Amino acid sequence: MTYANLLCEVQDRVNRQRQMERLISRTDFVEAFERAAETARITVYGLVAACNREGVLRWVREQLTKEYGECSLRELRRIGQRLGIPRYNNLPKELLLSEIVNAEARKAEGGPKGGPSEEHHATALANA
């Protein structure tokens, strides 16, 4: 191992830790963490300690699904409208729930705003 390799390894670890810090500082993570049961908190603690970004994002998605799953269709449609999900008013509850969780996850990841393409909705509605 060369000094350059060692330096790169340290820089990679620092970058992963910074990414994790930004991820767990997001409002959606904090809210999910505060509402989560103790066992779920222990799970996410392990994911954060291991710098498992994908695991933490999956955990947040699961927590959002649980939280939004308790909402009425009317409440979900309001949330869908706020998140800019196309055709939110025509989607069945389960599909709307899925779209909301995906939109929240994209928001958490800093991805593009809005929902999936019109083609995605046409296919989803046909299958619903």
Protein backbone atom coordinates (compact mmCIF):
# COMPACT_ATOMS: atom_id res chain seq x y z
CA MET A 1 0.00 0.00 0.00
CA THR A 2 1.28 3.40 -0.91
CA TYR A 3 0.75 6.66 0.90
CA ALA A 4 -1.52 7.81 -1.94
CA ASN A 5 -3.72 4.71 -1.48
CA LEU A 6 -3.91 5.32 2.26
CA LEU A 7 -4.82 8.96 1.73
CA CYS A 8 -7.53 8.02 -0.79
CA GLU A 9 -9.00 5.50 1.67
CA VAL A 10 -9.15 8.09 4.45
CA GLN A 11 -10.70 10.68 2.12
CA ASP A 12 -13.32 8.13 0.96
CA ARG A 13 -14.30 7.36 4.56
CA VAL A 14 -14.54 11.04 5.44
CA ASN A 15 -16.71 11.68 2.37
CA ARG A 16 -19.04 8.77 3.26
CA GLN A 17 -19.36 10.12 6.81
CA ARG A 18 -20.15 13.61 5.50
CA GLN A 19 -22.81 12.17 3.19
CA MET A 20 -24.29 10.27 6.12
CA GLU A 21 -24.27 13.42 8.25
CA ARG A 22 -26.18 15.33 5.54
CA LEU A 23 -28.63 12.46 5.16
CA ILE A 24 -29.48 12.19 8.85
CA SER A 25 -29.73 15.98 9.17
CA ARG A 26 -32.62 16.11 6.70
CA THR A 27 -36.04 16.93 8.11
CA ASP A 28 -37.64 13.74 6.79
CA PHE A 29 -35.04 11.57 8.52
CA VAL A 30 -35.33 13.46 11.81
CA GLU A 31 -39.13 13.21 11.76
CA ALA A 32 -39.03 9.49 10.88
CA PHE A 33 -36.48 8.84 13.61
CA GLU A 34 -38.46 10.71 16.25
CA ARG A 35 -41.66 8.79 15.40
CA ALA A 36 -39.97 5.39 15.10
CA ALA A 37 -40.15 2.64 17.69
CA GLU A 38 -37.02 1.85 19.68
CA THR A 39 -36.29 -1.29 17.63
CA ALA A 40 -36.44 0.72 14.39
CA ARG A 41 -34.09 3.31 15.90
CA ILE A 42 -31.60 0.59 16.81
CA THR A 43 -31.79 -0.73 13.25
CA VAL A 44 -31.11 2.64 11.68
CA TYR A 45 -28.33 3.33 14.18
CA GLY A 46 -26.50 0.28 12.86
CA LEU A 47 -27.04 1.41 9.26
CA VAL A 48 -25.72 4.88 10.04
CA ALA A 49 -22.70 3.51 11.93
CA ALA A 50 -21.88 1.34 8.90
CA CYS A 51 -22.36 4.34 6.57
CA ASN A 52 -24.95 2.30 4.66
CA ARG A 53 -26.59 5.12 2.71
CA GLU A 54 -28.92 2.87 0.71
CA GLY A 55 -30.00 1.08 3.88
CA VAL A 56 -30.78 4.38 5.61
CA LEU A 57 -32.77 5.61 2.60
CA ARG A 58 -34.70 2.32 2.55
CA TRP A 59 -35.38 2.68 6.31
CA VAL A 60 -36.74 6.22 5.84
CA ARG A 61 -38.92 4.98 2.97
CA GLU A 62 -40.33 2.20 5.18
CA GLN A 63 -41.06 4.67 7.98
CA LEU A 64 -42.82 7.02 5.56
CA THR A 65 -44.90 4.13 4.21
CA LYS A 66 -46.03 3.26 7.73
CA GLU A 67 -46.81 6.90 8.51
CA TYR A 68 -48.67 7.67 5.28
CA GLY A 69 -50.45 4.30 5.34
CA GLU A 70 -52.56 5.59 8.23
CA CYS A 71 -53.81 8.60 6.23
CA SER A 72 -57.19 8.76 4.54
CA LEU A 73 -57.40 8.96 0.75
CA ARG A 74 -58.39 12.63 1.06
CA GLU A 75 -55.26 13.38 3.14
CA LEU A 76 -53.08 11.44 0.71
CA ARG A 77 -54.49 13.44 -2.21
CA ARG A 78 -53.64 16.69 -0.44
CA ILE A 79 -50.10 15.43 0.10
CA GLY A 80 -49.92 14.28 -3.54
CA GLN A 81 -50.98 17.72 -4.69
CA ARG A 82 -48.39 19.40 -2.45
CA LEU A 83 -45.65 17.12 -3.81
CA GLY A 84 -46.66 17.77 -7.43
CA ILE A 85 -47.56 14.17 -8.26
CA PRO A 86 -49.22 14.05 -11.68
CA ARG A 87 -52.84 12.83 -11.66
CA TYR A 88 -52.79 12.47 -7.88
CA ASN A 89 -56.57 12.84 -7.83
CA ASN A 90 -57.16 9.79 -10.07
CA LEU A 91 -54.78 7.32 -8.42
CA PRO A 92 -56.06 4.53 -6.17
CA LYS A 93 -54.92 4.75 -2.54
CA GLU A 94 -52.15 2.14 -2.71
CA LEU A 95 -50.63 3.61 -5.87
CA LEU A 96 -50.89 7.15 -4.50
CA LEU A 97 -49.21 6.01 -1.29
CA SER A 98 -46.38 4.49 -3.32
CA GLU A 99 -45.99 7.67 -5.39
CA ILE A 100 -45.91 9.85 -2.26
CA VAL A 101 -43.23 7.71 -0.63
CA ASN A 102 -41.18 7.75 -3.85
CA ALA A 103 -41.56 11.53 -4.17
CA GLU A 104 -40.46 12.00 -0.55
CA ALA A 105 -37.48 9.71 -1.15
CA ARG A 106 -36.48 11.66 -4.28
CA LYS A 107 -36.76 14.86 -2.26
CA ALA A 108 -34.55 13.38 0.46
CA GLU A 109 -31.99 12.29 -2.12
CA GLY A 110 -32.01 15.71 -3.74
CA GLY A 111 -33.43 14.24 -6.95
CA PRO A 112 -35.80 15.81 -9.45
CA LYS A 113 -39.08 17.12 -8.13
CA GLY A 114 -42.45 15.94 -9.31
CA GLY A 115 -43.65 12.46 -9.95
CA PRO A 116 -43.02 9.77 -12.48
CA SER A 117 -43.70 10.19 -16.16
CA GLU A 118 -47.16 10.21 -17.68
CA GLU A 119 -46.31 6.86 -19.27
CA HIS A 120 -45.69 5.38 -15.81
CA HIS A 121 -49.12 6.55 -14.64
CA ALA A 122 -50.87 5.22 -17.72
CA THR A 123 -49.32 1.78 -17.12
CA ALA A 124 -50.07 1.90 -13.39
CA LEU A 125 -53.69 2.90 -13.93
CA ALA A 126 -54.14 0.16 -16.50
CA ASN A 127 -52.81 -2.38 -13.98
CA ALA A 128 -54.87 -1.04 -11.06
